[in-house]
């Protein structure tokens, strides 16, 4: 990423948070792409899938926020 200015501390935190979130999304998506394990009940499996959706939406929001200071 080429930056034309020094990032502010809050901007750096947003980038760090987005990076960590993307890593967590990847791990959860990988886990959920496999068959449901017997030790996770249907309610928890549903909630984990809902969590992935919420995390993905949050990631999209952080992406939009970073565009405002990386352009």
Protein backbone atom coordinates (compact mmCIF):
# COMPACT_ATOMS: atom_id res chain seq x y z
CA UNK A 1 0.00 0.00 0.00
CA UNK A 2 1.47 3.31 -1.08
CA UNK A 3 0.66 6.14 1.26
CA UNK A 4 1.00 9.81 0.47
CA UNK A 5 0.97 10.89 4.10
CA UNK A 6 1.88 9.71 7.56
CA UNK A 7 -0.96 7.73 9.08
CA UNK A 8 -2.57 9.01 12.23
CA UNK A 9 -2.60 6.67 15.25
CA UNK A 10 -6.31 5.92 14.86
CA UNK A 11 -5.78 5.10 11.18
CA UNK A 12 -3.02 2.65 12.07
CA UNK A 13 -5.33 1.04 14.63
CA UNK A 14 -8.03 0.62 11.98
CA UNK A 15 -5.55 -1.06 9.62
CA UNK A 16 -4.32 -3.35 12.39
CA UNK A 17 -7.86 -4.20 13.43
CA UNK A 18 -8.83 -4.95 9.83
CA UNK A 19 -5.80 -7.18 9.37
CA UNK A 20 -6.58 -9.16 12.54
CA UNK A 21 -10.25 -9.41 11.57
CA UNK A 22 -9.38 -10.76 8.11
CA UNK A 23 -7.22 -13.44 9.71
CA UNK A 24 -10.06 -14.46 12.04
CA UNK A 25 -12.54 -14.48 9.14
CA UNK A 26 -10.26 -16.79 7.19
CA UNK A 27 -9.91 -19.23 10.08
CA UNK A 28 -13.63 -19.28 10.84
CA UNK A 29 -14.57 -19.63 7.16
CA UNK A 30 -12.13 -22.52 6.83
CA UNK A 31 -13.61 -24.24 9.88
CA UNK A 32 -17.17 -23.73 8.68
CA UNK A 33 -16.36 -25.04 5.21
CA UNK A 34 -15.91 -28.50 6.71
CA UNK A 35 -18.70 -30.77 7.94
CA UNK A 36 -20.26 -29.82 11.27
CA UNK A 37 -18.38 -31.65 14.03
CA UNK A 38 -20.46 -33.74 16.45
CA UNK A 39 -19.37 -31.66 19.46
CA UNK A 40 -21.02 -28.50 18.04
CA UNK A 41 -24.81 -28.49 18.18
CA UNK A 42 -27.03 -27.05 15.45
CA UNK A 43 -27.74 -23.82 17.35
CA UNK A 44 -24.03 -23.09 17.82
CA UNK A 45 -23.29 -23.99 14.20
CA UNK A 46 -25.97 -21.55 13.06
CA UNK A 47 -24.60 -18.84 15.35
CA UNK A 48 -21.06 -19.38 14.08
CA UNK A 49 -22.29 -18.91 10.52
CA UNK A 50 -24.15 -15.76 11.56
CA UNK A 51 -20.97 -14.57 13.27
CA UNK A 52 -19.04 -15.06 10.04
CA UNK A 53 -21.60 -12.94 8.20
CA UNK A 54 -21.36 -10.17 10.80
CA UNK A 55 -17.57 -10.26 10.74
CA UNK A 56 -17.61 -10.02 6.94
CA UNK A 57 -19.90 -6.99 7.07
CA UNK A 58 -17.64 -5.39 9.67
CA UNK A 59 -14.64 -6.06 7.43
CA UNK A 60 -16.40 -4.32 4.54
CA UNK A 61 -17.05 -1.30 6.74
CA UNK A 62 -13.40 -1.14 7.80
CA UNK A 63 -12.38 -1.41 4.14
CA UNK A 64 -14.52 1.60 3.30
CA UNK A 65 -13.08 3.54 6.23
CA UNK A 66 -9.50 2.82 5.17
CA UNK A 67 -10.21 3.98 1.61
CA UNK A 68 -10.88 7.46 2.97
CA UNK A 69 -7.38 7.86 4.36
CA UNK A 70 -5.35 5.67 1.99
CA UNK A 71 -6.38 7.50 -1.18
